[in-house]
Amino acid sequence: MKTQTNPKHITSLGDLVATVSSYARNDRETLAAIQDLFRRGSVVAKTRHGSKRLKIA
């Protein structure tokens, strides 16, 4: 089942990390989940100048 997304909904990176970490068991799981969200394209980083590609280490 594919969920509908609202393209106008803007969340800060800090809010994303806080939300994901509240469900994750530890920091490694949080990082892995956030990496997966970016890789799948479910989350896109945007600035005033357009989309940005992020390198998550």
C-alpha atoms as a PDB file:
ATOM      1  CA  MET A   1       0.000   0.000   0.000  1.00  0.00           C
ATOM      2  CA  LYS A   2       1.467   3.337  -1.052  1.00  0.00           C
ATOM      3  CA  THR A   3       0.821   6.287   1.229  1.00  0.00           C
ATOM      4  CA  GLN A   4      -0.130   9.713  -0.019  1.00  0.00           C
ATOM      5  CA  THR A   5       2.346  12.463   0.730  1.00  0.00           C
ATOM      6  CA  ASN A   6       1.782  16.160   0.982  1.00  0.00           C
ATOM      7  CA  PRO A   7       4.566  17.842  -1.024  1.00  0.00           C
ATOM      8  CA  LYS A   8       3.955  21.154   0.747  1.00  0.00           C
ATOM      9  CA  HIS A   9       4.576  19.686   4.195  1.00  0.00           C
ATOM     10  CA  ILE A  10       7.969  20.906   5.384  1.00  0.00           C
ATOM     11  CA  THR A  11       9.748  19.377   8.370  1.00  0.00           C
ATOM     12  CA  SER A  12      13.171  20.338   9.658  1.00  0.00           C
ATOM     13  CA  LEU A  13      15.970  17.794   9.677  1.00  0.00           C
ATOM     14  CA  GLY A  14      16.049  18.062  13.462  1.00  0.00           C
ATOM     15  CA  ASP A  15      12.351  17.200  13.685  1.00  0.00           C
ATOM     16  CA  LEU A  16      12.894  14.218  11.374  1.00  0.00           C
ATOM     17  CA  VAL A  17      15.749  12.915  13.532  1.00  0.00           C
ATOM     18  CA  ALA A  18      13.735  13.420  16.733  1.00  0.00           C
ATOM     19  CA  THR A  19      10.722  11.590  15.327  1.00  0.00           C
ATOM     20  CA  VAL A  20      12.702   8.665  13.946  1.00  0.00           C
ATOM     21  CA  SER A  21      14.778   8.341  17.121  1.00  0.00           C
ATOM     22  CA  SER A  22      11.624   8.138  19.232  1.00  0.00           C
ATOM     23  CA  TYR A  23      10.819   4.857  17.425  1.00  0.00           C
ATOM     24  CA  ALA A  24      14.363   3.493  17.074  1.00  0.00           C
ATOM     25  CA  ARG A  25      16.095   1.342  19.672  1.00  0.00           C
ATOM     26  CA  ASN A  26      19.451   3.136  19.414  1.00  0.00           C
ATOM     27  CA  ASP A  27      21.438   5.721  17.436  1.00  0.00           C
ATOM     28  CA  ARG A  28      22.561   3.203  14.820  1.00  0.00           C
ATOM     29  CA  GLU A  29      19.003   2.235  14.042  1.00  0.00           C
ATOM     30  CA  THR A  30      18.037   5.923  13.847  1.00  0.00           C
ATOM     31  CA  LEU A  31      20.813   6.643  11.361  1.00  0.00           C
ATOM     32  CA  ALA A  32      19.991   3.566   9.280  1.00  0.00           C
ATOM     33  CA  ALA A  33      16.321   4.556   9.081  1.00  0.00           C
ATOM     34  CA  ILE A  34      17.111   8.136   8.064  1.00  0.00           C
ATOM     35  CA  GLN A  35      19.596   6.951   5.442  1.00  0.00           C
ATOM     36  CA  ASP A  36      16.936   4.646   4.037  1.00  0.00           C
ATOM     37  CA  LEU A  37      14.376   7.467   3.858  1.00  0.00           C
ATOM     38  CA  PHE A  38      16.784   9.608   1.825  1.00  0.00           C
ATOM     39  CA  ARG A  39      17.906   6.727  -0.422  1.00  0.00           C
ATOM     40  CA  ARG A  40      14.326   5.745  -1.306  1.00  0.00           C
ATOM     41  CA  GLY A  41      13.440   9.354  -2.029  1.00  0.00           C
ATOM     42  CA  SER A  42      10.817   9.478   0.708  1.00  0.00           C
ATOM     43  CA  VAL A  43      12.647  12.495   2.139  1.00  0.00           C
ATOM     44  CA  VAL A  44      14.316  15.255   0.134  1.00  0.00           C
ATOM     45  CA  ALA A  45      16.527  17.964   1.590  1.00  0.00           C
ATOM     46  CA  LYS A  46      15.614  21.382   0.243  1.00  0.00           C
ATOM     47  CA  THR A  47      17.023  24.847   0.693  1.00  0.00           C
ATOM     48  CA  ARG A  48      15.951  28.201  -0.651  1.00  0.00           C
ATOM     49  CA  HIS A  49      18.109  27.398  -3.686  1.00  0.00           C
ATOM     50  CA  GLY A  50      16.585  23.995  -4.491  1.00  0.00           C
ATOM     51  CA  SER A  51      17.075  20.354  -3.579  1.00  0.00           C
ATOM     52  CA  LYS A  52      20.386  19.204  -2.150  1.00  0.00           C
ATOM     53  CA  ARG A  53      22.060  15.820  -2.159  1.00  0.00           C
ATOM     54  CA  LEU A  54      23.232  14.819   1.313  1.00  0.00           C
ATOM     55  CA  LYS A  55      26.051  12.522   2.308  1.00  0.00           C
ATOM     56  CA  ILE A  56      25.172  10.780   5.554  1.00  0.00           C
ATOM     57  CA  ALA A  57      28.125   9.141   7.243  1.00  0.00           C
END
